[in-house]
């Protein structure tokens, strides 16, 4: 999960991931198909700061082990606040 200040363009890098396409959006963010090292991943961008609901979602994902549910890998800010 990344806290985003803007929407990325196709082929733009978000950390080590390259945006392939936008998959969908909901009330809690936008999910993108991204690629890293020849593998595809889902990456969720949140529109604002991490609040209690976001932290609960992360806590649940960390504990879940189900092939039908995405795995939590990490979180960060994008674009990085210090780099714009």
PDB file of N, CA and C in Angstrom:
ATOM      1  N   UNK A   1       0.835  -1.171   0.000  1.00  0.00           N
ATOM      2  CA  UNK A   1       0.000   0.000   0.000  1.00  0.00           C
ATOM      3  C   UNK A   1       0.881   1.236   0.000  1.00  0.00           C
ATOM      4  N   UNK A   2       0.479   2.172  -0.785  1.00  0.00           N
ATOM      5  CA  UNK A   2       1.175   3.459  -0.839  1.00  0.00           C
ATOM      6  C   UNK A   2       0.166   4.562  -0.574  1.00  0.00           C
ATOM      7  N   UNK A   3       0.557   5.592   0.129  1.00  0.00           N
ATOM      8  CA  UNK A   3      -0.252   6.796   0.270  1.00  0.00           C
ATOM      9  C   UNK A   3       0.168   7.705  -0.873  1.00  0.00           C
ATOM     10  N   UNK A   4      -0.784   8.040  -1.747  1.00  0.00           N
ATOM     11  CA  UNK A   4      -0.456   8.763  -2.980  1.00  0.00           C
ATOM     12  C   UNK A   4      -0.987  10.187  -2.966  1.00  0.00           C
ATOM     13  N   UNK A   5      -0.231  11.064  -3.612  1.00  0.00           N
ATOM     14  CA  UNK A   5      -0.676  12.449  -3.776  1.00  0.00           C
ATOM     15  C   UNK A   5      -1.202  12.696  -5.173  1.00  0.00           C
ATOM     16  N   UNK A   6      -1.025  11.732  -6.078  1.00  0.00           N
ATOM     17  CA  UNK A   6      -1.544  11.866  -7.438  1.00  0.00           C
ATOM     18  C   UNK A   6      -1.665  10.481  -8.056  1.00  0.00           C
ATOM     19  N   UNK A   7      -2.352  10.384  -9.191  1.00  0.00           N
ATOM     20  CA  UNK A   7      -2.482   9.124  -9.908  1.00  0.00           C
ATOM     21  C   UNK A   7      -1.272   8.922 -10.815  1.00  0.00           C
ATOM     22  N   UNK A   8      -0.729   7.706 -10.865  1.00  0.00           N
ATOM     23  CA  UNK A   8       0.425   7.452 -11.731  1.00  0.00           C
ATOM     24  C   UNK A   8       0.001   7.230 -13.178  1.00  0.00           C
ATOM     25  N   UNK A   9       0.933   7.427 -14.087  1.00  0.00           N
ATOM     26  CA  UNK A   9       0.716   7.139 -15.502  1.00  0.00           C
ATOM     27  C   UNK A   9       1.130   5.700 -15.792  1.00  0.00           C
ATOM     28  N   UNK A  10       0.603   5.122 -16.888  1.00  0.00           N
ATOM     29  CA  UNK A  10       1.034   3.801 -17.337  1.00  0.00           C
ATOM     30  C   UNK A  10       2.532   3.843 -17.605  1.00  0.00           C
ATOM     31  N   UNK A  11       3.234   2.804 -17.219  1.00  0.00           N
ATOM     32  CA  UNK A  11       4.691   2.650 -17.340  1.00  0.00           C
ATOM     33  C   UNK A  11       5.479   3.502 -16.346  1.00  0.00           C
ATOM     34  N   UNK A  12       4.810   4.250 -15.482  1.00  0.00           N
ATOM     35  CA  UNK A  12       5.513   5.037 -14.466  1.00  0.00           C
ATOM     36  C   UNK A  12       5.960   4.116 -13.333  1.00  0.00           C
ATOM     37  N   UNK A  13       7.090   4.435 -12.733  1.00  0.00           N
ATOM     38  CA  UNK A  13       7.610   3.642 -11.620  1.00  0.00           C
ATOM     39  C   UNK A  13       7.045   4.147 -10.300  1.00  0.00           C
ATOM     40  N   UNK A  14       6.656   3.198  -9.470  1.00  0.00           N
ATOM     41  CA  UNK A  14       6.275   3.466  -8.084  1.00  0.00           C
ATOM     42  C   UNK A  14       7.187   2.570  -7.259  1.00  0.00           C
ATOM     43  N   UNK A  15       8.214   3.155  -6.705  1.00  0.00           N
ATOM     44  CA  UNK A  15       9.237   2.347  -6.041  1.00  0.00           C
ATOM     45  C   UNK A  15       9.867   1.416  -7.059  1.00  0.00           C
ATOM     46  N   UNK A  16       9.883   0.130  -6.755  1.00  0.00           N
ATOM     47  CA  UNK A  16      10.457  -0.868  -7.659  1.00  0.00           C
ATOM     48  C   UNK A  16       9.438  -1.414  -8.657  1.00  0.00           C
ATOM     49  N   UNK A  17       8.222  -0.911  -8.637  1.00  0.00           N
ATOM     50  CA  UNK A  17       7.139  -1.431  -9.475  1.00  0.00           C
ATOM     51  C   UNK A  17       6.878  -0.517 -10.666  1.00  0.00           C
ATOM     52  N   UNK A  18       6.528  -1.117 -11.817  1.00  0.00           N
ATOM     53  CA  UNK A  18       6.149  -0.348 -13.005  1.00  0.00           C
ATOM     54  C   UNK A  18       4.660  -0.533 -13.226  1.00  0.00           C
ATOM     55  N   UNK A  19       3.926   0.574 -13.351  1.00  0.00           N
ATOM     56  CA  UNK A  19       2.480   0.522 -13.528  1.00  0.00           C
ATOM     57  C   UNK A  19       2.148  -0.065 -14.895  1.00  0.00           C
ATOM     58  N   UNK A  20       1.303  -1.097 -14.897  1.00  0.00           N
ATOM     59  CA  UNK A  20       0.839  -1.722 -16.139  1.00  0.00           C
ATOM     60  C   UNK A  20      -0.515  -1.135 -16.520  1.00  0.00           C
ATOM     61  N   UNK A  21      -1.464  -1.158 -15.573  1.00  0.00           N
ATOM     62  CA  UNK A  21      -2.804  -0.625 -15.835  1.00  0.00           C
ATOM     63  C   UNK A  21      -3.540  -0.404 -14.527  1.00  0.00           C
ATOM     64  N   UNK A  22      -4.560   0.394 -14.585  1.00  0.00           N
ATOM     65  CA  UNK A  22      -5.447   0.611 -13.432  1.00  0.00           C
ATOM     66  C   UNK A  22      -6.485  -0.503 -13.433  1.00  0.00           C
ATOM     67  N   UNK A  23      -6.673  -1.156 -12.292  1.00  0.00           N
ATOM     68  CA  UNK A  23      -7.642  -2.245 -12.193  1.00  0.00           C
ATOM     69  C   UNK A  23      -9.004  -1.779 -11.692  1.00  0.00           C
ATOM     70  N   UNK A  24      -9.020  -0.832 -10.773  1.00  0.00           N
ATOM     71  CA  UNK A  24     -10.296  -0.381 -10.241  1.00  0.00           C
ATOM     72  C   UNK A  24     -10.115   0.563  -9.074  1.00  0.00           C
ATOM     73  N   UNK A  25     -11.227   1.165  -8.667  1.00  0.00           N
ATOM     74  CA  UNK A  25     -11.196   2.124  -7.560  1.00  0.00           C
ATOM     75  C   UNK A  25     -12.406   1.913  -6.668  1.00  0.00           C
ATOM     76  N   UNK A  26     -12.248   2.287  -5.424  1.00  0.00           N
ATOM     77  CA  UNK A  26     -13.335   2.203  -4.462  1.00  0.00           C
ATOM     78  C   UNK A  26     -13.223   3.335  -3.468  1.00  0.00           C
ATOM     79  N   UNK A  27     -13.913   3.208  -2.370  1.00  0.00           N
ATOM     80  CA  UNK A  27     -13.920   4.255  -1.377  1.00  0.00           C
ATOM     81  C   UNK A  27     -12.614   4.417  -0.628  1.00  0.00           C
ATOM     82  N   UNK A  28     -11.773   3.395  -0.660  1.00  0.00           N
ATOM     83  CA  UNK A  28     -10.519   3.430   0.107  1.00  0.00           C
ATOM     84  C   UNK A  28      -9.276   3.487  -0.750  1.00  0.00           C
ATOM     85  N   UNK A  29      -9.383   3.710  -2.049  1.00  0.00           N
ATOM     86  CA  UNK A  29      -8.182   3.825  -2.849  1.00  0.00           C
ATOM     87  C   UNK A  29      -8.350   3.284  -4.256  1.00  0.00           C
ATOM     88  N   UNK A  30      -7.232   3.225  -4.966  1.00  0.00           N
ATOM     89  CA  UNK A  30      -7.189   2.763  -6.350  1.00  0.00           C
ATOM     90  C   UNK A  30      -6.193   1.617  -6.424  1.00  0.00           C
ATOM     91  N   UNK A  31      -6.553   0.550  -7.151  1.00  0.00           N
ATOM     92  CA  UNK A  31      -5.683  -0.612  -7.288  1.00  0.00           C
ATOM     93  C   UNK A  31      -5.149  -0.660  -8.715  1.00  0.00           C
ATOM     94  N   UNK A  32      -3.845  -0.898  -8.820  1.00  0.00           N
ATOM     95  CA  UNK A  32      -3.169  -0.973 -10.109  1.00  0.00           C
ATOM     96  C   UNK A  32      -2.521  -2.340 -10.280  1.00  0.00           C
ATOM     97  N   UNK A  33      -2.467  -2.808 -11.520  1.00  0.00           N
ATOM     98  CA  UNK A  33      -1.640  -3.961 -11.856  1.00  0.00           C
ATOM     99  C   UNK A  33      -0.252  -3.401 -12.112  1.00  0.00           C
ATOM    100  N   UNK A  34       0.742  -3.948 -11.418  1.00  0.00           N
ATOM    101  CA  UNK A  34       2.118  -3.477 -11.557  1.00  0.00           C
ATOM    102  C   UNK A  34       3.029  -4.669 -11.818  1.00  0.00           C
ATOM    103  N   UNK A  35       4.219  -4.388 -12.319  1.00  0.00           N
ATOM    104  CA  UNK A  35       5.189  -5.428 -12.650  1.00  0.00           C
ATOM    105  C   UNK A  35       6.505  -5.113 -11.958  1.00  0.00           C
ATOM    106  N   UNK A  36       7.147  -6.172 -11.475  1.00  0.00           N
ATOM    107  CA  UNK A  36       8.478  -6.046 -10.880  1.00  0.00           C
ATOM    108  C   UNK A  36       9.226  -7.348 -11.140  1.00  0.00           C
ATOM    109  N   UNK A  37      10.345  -7.252 -11.788  1.00  0.00           N
ATOM    110  CA  UNK A  37      11.162  -8.434 -12.042  1.00  0.00           C
ATOM    111  C   UNK A  37      10.454  -9.498 -12.858  1.00  0.00           C
ATOM    112  N   UNK A  38       9.597  -9.082 -13.779  1.00  0.00           N
ATOM    113  CA  UNK A  38       8.887 -10.036 -14.619  1.00  0.00           C
ATOM    114  C   UNK A  38       7.660 -10.663 -13.978  1.00  0.00           C
ATOM    115  N   UNK A  39       7.340 -10.274 -12.749  1.00  0.00           N
ATOM    116  CA  UNK A  39       6.154 -10.802 -12.048  1.00  0.00           C
ATOM    117  C   UNK A  39       5.122  -9.700 -11.895  1.00  0.00           C
ATOM    118  N   UNK A  40       3.857 -10.083 -11.904  1.00  0.00           N
ATOM    119  CA  UNK A  40       2.756  -9.125 -11.758  1.00  0.00           C
ATOM    120  C   UNK A  40       2.259  -9.096 -10.317  1.00  0.00           C
ATOM    121  N   UNK A  41       1.878  -7.892  -9.883  1.00  0.00           N
ATOM    122  CA  UNK A  41       1.373  -7.676  -8.533  1.00  0.00           C
ATOM    123  C   UNK A  41       0.194  -6.713  -8.596  1.00  0.00           C
ATOM    124  N   UNK A  42      -0.582  -6.682  -7.527  1.00  0.00           N
ATOM    125  CA  UNK A  42      -1.601  -5.647  -7.335  1.00  0.00           C
ATOM    126  C   UNK A  42      -1.033  -4.653  -6.335  1.00  0.00           C
ATOM    127  N   UNK A  43      -1.170  -3.368  -6.631  1.00  0.00           N
ATOM    128  CA  UNK A  43      -0.668  -2.320  -5.756  1.00  0.00           C
ATOM    129  C   UNK A  43      -1.806  -1.353  -5.478  1.00  0.00           C
ATOM    130  N   UNK A  44      -2.073  -1.105  -4.215  1.00  0.00           N
ATOM    131  CA  UNK A  44      -3.169  -0.217  -3.818  1.00  0.00           C
ATOM    132  C   UNK A  44      -2.603   1.129  -3.405  1.00  0.00           C
ATOM    133  N   UNK A  45      -3.153   2.189  -3.998  1.00  0.00           N
ATOM    134  CA  UNK A  45      -2.776   3.556  -3.630  1.00  0.00           C
ATOM    135  C   UNK A  45      -3.915   4.178  -2.837  1.00  0.00           C
ATOM    136  N   UNK A  46      -3.581   4.753  -1.706  1.00  0.00           N
ATOM    137  CA  UNK A  46      -4.560   5.430  -0.866  1.00  0.00           C
ATOM    138  C   UNK A  46      -4.475   6.930  -1.105  1.00  0.00           C
ATOM    139  N   UNK A  47      -5.601   7.625  -1.040  1.00  0.00           N
ATOM    140  CA  UNK A  47      -5.616   9.048  -1.372  1.00  0.00           C
ATOM    141  C   UNK A  47      -5.129   9.982  -0.270  1.00  0.00           C
ATOM    142  N   UNK A  48      -4.903   9.509   0.906  1.00  0.00           N
ATOM    143  CA  UNK A  48      -4.533  10.419   1.981  1.00  0.00           C
ATOM    144  C   UNK A  48      -3.707   9.720   3.036  1.00  0.00           C
ATOM    145  N   UNK A  49      -3.576  10.312   4.207  1.00  0.00           N
ATOM    146  CA  UNK A  49      -2.726   9.740   5.258  1.00  0.00           C
ATOM    147  C   UNK A  49      -3.281   8.418   5.778  1.00  0.00           C
ATOM    148  N   UNK A  50      -2.386   7.622   6.354  1.00  0.00           N
ATOM    149  CA  UNK A  50      -2.815   6.362   6.958  1.00  0.00           C
ATOM    150  C   UNK A  50      -3.576   6.663   8.230  1.00  0.00           C
ATOM    151  N   UNK A  51      -4.829   6.265   8.236  1.00  0.00           N
ATOM    152  CA  UNK A  51      -5.667   6.474   9.418  1.00  0.00           C
ATOM    153  C   UNK A  51      -5.870   5.135  10.128  1.00  0.00           C
ATOM    154  N   UNK A  52      -6.717   5.135  11.135  1.00  0.00           N
ATOM    155  CA  UNK A  52      -6.972   3.919  11.899  1.00  0.00           C
ATOM    156  C   UNK A  52      -7.533   2.793  11.049  1.00  0.00           C
ATOM    157  N   UNK A  53      -8.400   3.125  10.107  1.00  0.00           N
ATOM    158  CA  UNK A  53      -8.994   2.099   9.233  1.00  0.00           C
ATOM    159  C   UNK A  53      -7.920   1.446   8.358  1.00  0.00           C
ATOM    160  N   UNK A  54      -7.023   2.257   7.836  1.00  0.00           N
ATOM    161  CA  UNK A  54      -5.931   1.721   7.011  1.00  0.00           C
ATOM    162  C   UNK A  54      -5.036   0.822   7.839  1.00  0.00           C
ATOM    163  N   UNK A  55      -4.699   1.236   9.041  1.00  0.00           N
ATOM    164  CA  UNK A  55      -3.847   0.424   9.908  1.00  0.00           C
ATOM    165  C   UNK A  55      -4.524  -0.894  10.275  1.00  0.00           C
ATOM    166  N   UNK A  56      -5.853  -0.883  10.477  1.00  0.00           N
ATOM    167  CA  UNK A  56      -6.581  -2.125  10.749  1.00  0.00           C
ATOM    168  C   UNK A  56      -6.537  -3.047   9.534  1.00  0.00           C
ATOM    169  N   UNK A  57      -6.726  -2.486   8.337  1.00  0.00           N
ATOM    170  CA  UNK A  57      -6.665  -3.291   7.116  1.00  0.00           C
ATOM    171  C   UNK A  57      -5.307  -3.963   6.981  1.00  0.00           C
ATOM    172  N   UNK A  58      -4.240  -3.214   7.231  1.00  0.00           N
ATOM    173  CA  UNK A  58      -2.892  -3.782   7.165  1.00  0.00           C
ATOM    174  C   UNK A  58      -2.736  -4.893   8.207  1.00  0.00           C
ATOM    175  N   UNK A  59      -3.208  -4.646   9.408  1.00  0.00           N
ATOM    176  CA  UNK A  59      -3.118  -5.654  10.472  1.00  0.00           C
ATOM    177  C   UNK A  59      -3.824  -6.954  10.114  1.00  0.00           C
ATOM    178  N   UNK A  60      -4.967  -6.849   9.466  1.00  0.00           N
ATOM    179  CA  UNK A  60      -5.708  -8.042   9.033  1.00  0.00           C
ATOM    180  C   UNK A  60      -4.954  -8.762   7.918  1.00  0.00           C
ATOM    181  N   UNK A  61      -4.475  -8.004   6.921  1.00  0.00           N
ATOM    182  CA  UNK A  61      -3.764  -8.625   5.795  1.00  0.00           C
ATOM    183  C   UNK A  61      -2.491  -9.337   6.242  1.00  0.00           C
ATOM    184  N   UNK A  62      -1.812  -8.794   7.249  1.00  0.00           N
ATOM    185  CA  UNK A  62      -0.590  -9.416   7.752  1.00  0.00           C
ATOM    186  C   UNK A  62      -0.893 -10.803   8.316  1.00  0.00           C
ATOM    187  N   UNK A  63      -2.046 -10.959   8.940  1.00  0.00           N
ATOM    188  CA  UNK A  63      -2.390 -12.226   9.589  1.00  0.00           C
ATOM    189  C   UNK A  63      -3.025 -13.250   8.648  1.00  0.00           C
ATOM    190  N   UNK A  64      -3.597 -12.804   7.539  1.00  0.00           N
ATOM    191  CA  UNK A  64      -4.306 -13.714   6.633  1.00  0.00           C
ATOM    192  C   UNK A  64      -3.347 -14.534   5.778  1.00  0.00           C
ATOM    193  N   UNK A  65      -3.678 -15.802   5.634  1.00  0.00           N
ATOM    194  CA  UNK A  65      -2.965 -16.677   4.709  1.00  0.00           C
ATOM    195  C   UNK A  65      -4.023 -17.399   3.903  1.00  0.00           C
ATOM    196  N   UNK A  66      -4.420 -16.799   2.782  1.00  0.00           N
ATOM    197  CA  UNK A  66      -5.458 -17.355   1.931  1.00  0.00           C
ATOM    198  C   UNK A  66      -5.080 -17.065   0.484  1.00  0.00           C
ATOM    199  N   UNK A  67      -5.094 -18.070  -0.380  1.00  0.00           N
ATOM    200  CA  UNK A  67      -4.701 -17.833  -1.775  1.00  0.00           C
ATOM    201  C   UNK A  67      -5.641 -16.888  -2.527  1.00  0.00           C
ATOM    202  N   UNK A  68      -6.817 -16.636  -1.982  1.00  0.00           N
ATOM    203  CA  UNK A  68      -7.772 -15.740  -2.625  1.00  0.00           C
ATOM    204  C   UNK A  68      -7.697 -14.303  -2.132  1.00  0.00           C
ATOM    205  N   UNK A  69      -6.771 -14.022  -1.217  1.00  0.00           N
ATOM    206  CA  UNK A  69      -6.637 -12.685  -0.636  1.00  0.00           C
ATOM    207  C   UNK A  69      -5.207 -12.200  -0.868  1.00  0.00           C
ATOM    208  N   UNK A  70      -5.078 -10.928  -1.287  1.00  0.00           N
ATOM    209  CA  UNK A  70      -3.737 -10.390  -1.525  1.00  0.00           C
ATOM    210  C   UNK A  70      -2.917 -10.413  -0.250  1.00  0.00           C
ATOM    211  N   UNK A  71      -1.620 -10.500  -0.408  1.00  0.00           N
ATOM    212  CA  UNK A  71      -0.693 -10.513   0.718  1.00  0.00           C
ATOM    213  C   UNK A  71      -0.151  -9.103   0.904  1.00  0.00           C
ATOM    214  N   UNK A  72      -0.036  -8.671   2.123  1.00  0.00           N
ATOM    215  CA  UNK A  72       0.549  -7.362   2.424  1.00  0.00           C
ATOM    216  C   UNK A  72       2.058  -7.468   2.354  1.00  0.00           C
ATOM    217  N   UNK A  73       2.687  -6.576   1.576  1.00  0.00           N
ATOM    218  CA  UNK A  73       4.137  -6.587   1.428  1.00  0.00           C
ATOM    219  C   UNK A  73       4.767  -5.393   2.132  1.00  0.00           C
ATOM    220  N   UNK A  74       4.153  -4.227   2.043  1.00  0.00           N
ATOM    221  CA  UNK A  74       4.722  -3.057   2.685  1.00  0.00           C
ATOM    222  C   UNK A  74       3.936  -1.818   2.340  1.00  0.00           C
ATOM    223  N   UNK A  75       4.358  -0.685   2.888  1.00  0.00           N
ATOM    224  CA  UNK A  75       3.685   0.584   2.613  1.00  0.00           C
ATOM    225  C   UNK A  75       4.722   1.702   2.597  1.00  0.00           C
ATOM    226  N   UNK A  76       4.352   2.778   1.903  1.00  0.00           N
ATOM    227  CA  UNK A  76       5.262   3.901   1.746  1.00  0.00           C
ATOM    228  C   UNK A  76       4.458   5.092   1.253  1.00  0.00           C
ATOM    229  N   UNK A  77       5.128   6.215   1.015  1.00  0.00           N
ATOM    230  CA  UNK A  77       4.511   7.389   0.445  1.00  0.00           C
ATOM    231  C   UNK A  77       4.983   7.538  -0.989  1.00  0.00           C
ATOM    232  N   UNK A  78       4.079   7.976  -1.896  1.00  0.00           N
ATOM    233  CA  UNK A  78       4.462   8.153  -3.293  1.00  0.00           C
ATOM    234  C   UNK A  78       3.703   9.332  -3.876  1.00  0.00           C
ATOM    235  N   UNK A  79       4.318  10.212  -4.631  1.00  0.00           N
ATOM    236  CA  UNK A  79       5.782  10.346  -4.679  1.00  0.00           C
ATOM    237  C   UNK A  79       6.309  10.706  -3.300  1.00  0.00           C
ATOM    238  N   UNK A  80       7.561  10.367  -3.062  1.00  0.00           N
ATOM    239  CA  UNK A  80       8.156  10.579  -1.758  1.00  0.00           C
ATOM    240  C   UNK A  80       8.072  12.059  -1.403  1.00  0.00           C
ATOM    241  N   UNK A  81       7.570  12.388  -0.197  1.00  0.00           N
ATOM    242  CA  UNK A  81       7.385  13.804   0.179  1.00  0.00           C
ATOM    243  C   UNK A  81       8.646  14.654   0.063  1.00  0.00           C
ATOM    244  N   UNK A  82       9.798  14.082   0.319  1.00  0.00           N
ATOM    245  CA  UNK A  82      11.039  14.857   0.267  1.00  0.00           C
ATOM    246  C   UNK A  82      11.539  15.074  -1.164  1.00  0.00           C
ATOM    247  N   UNK A  83      11.039  14.265  -2.097  1.00  0.00           N
ATOM    248  CA  UNK A  83      11.504  14.359  -3.483  1.00  0.00           C
ATOM    249  C   UNK A  83      10.468  14.936  -4.419  1.00  0.00           C
ATOM    250  N   UNK A  84       9.231  15.169  -3.929  1.00  0.00           N
ATOM    251  CA  UNK A  84       8.191  15.749  -4.777  1.00  0.00           C
ATOM    252  C   UNK A  84       7.581  14.757  -5.618  1.00  0.00           C
TER     253      UNK A  84
END
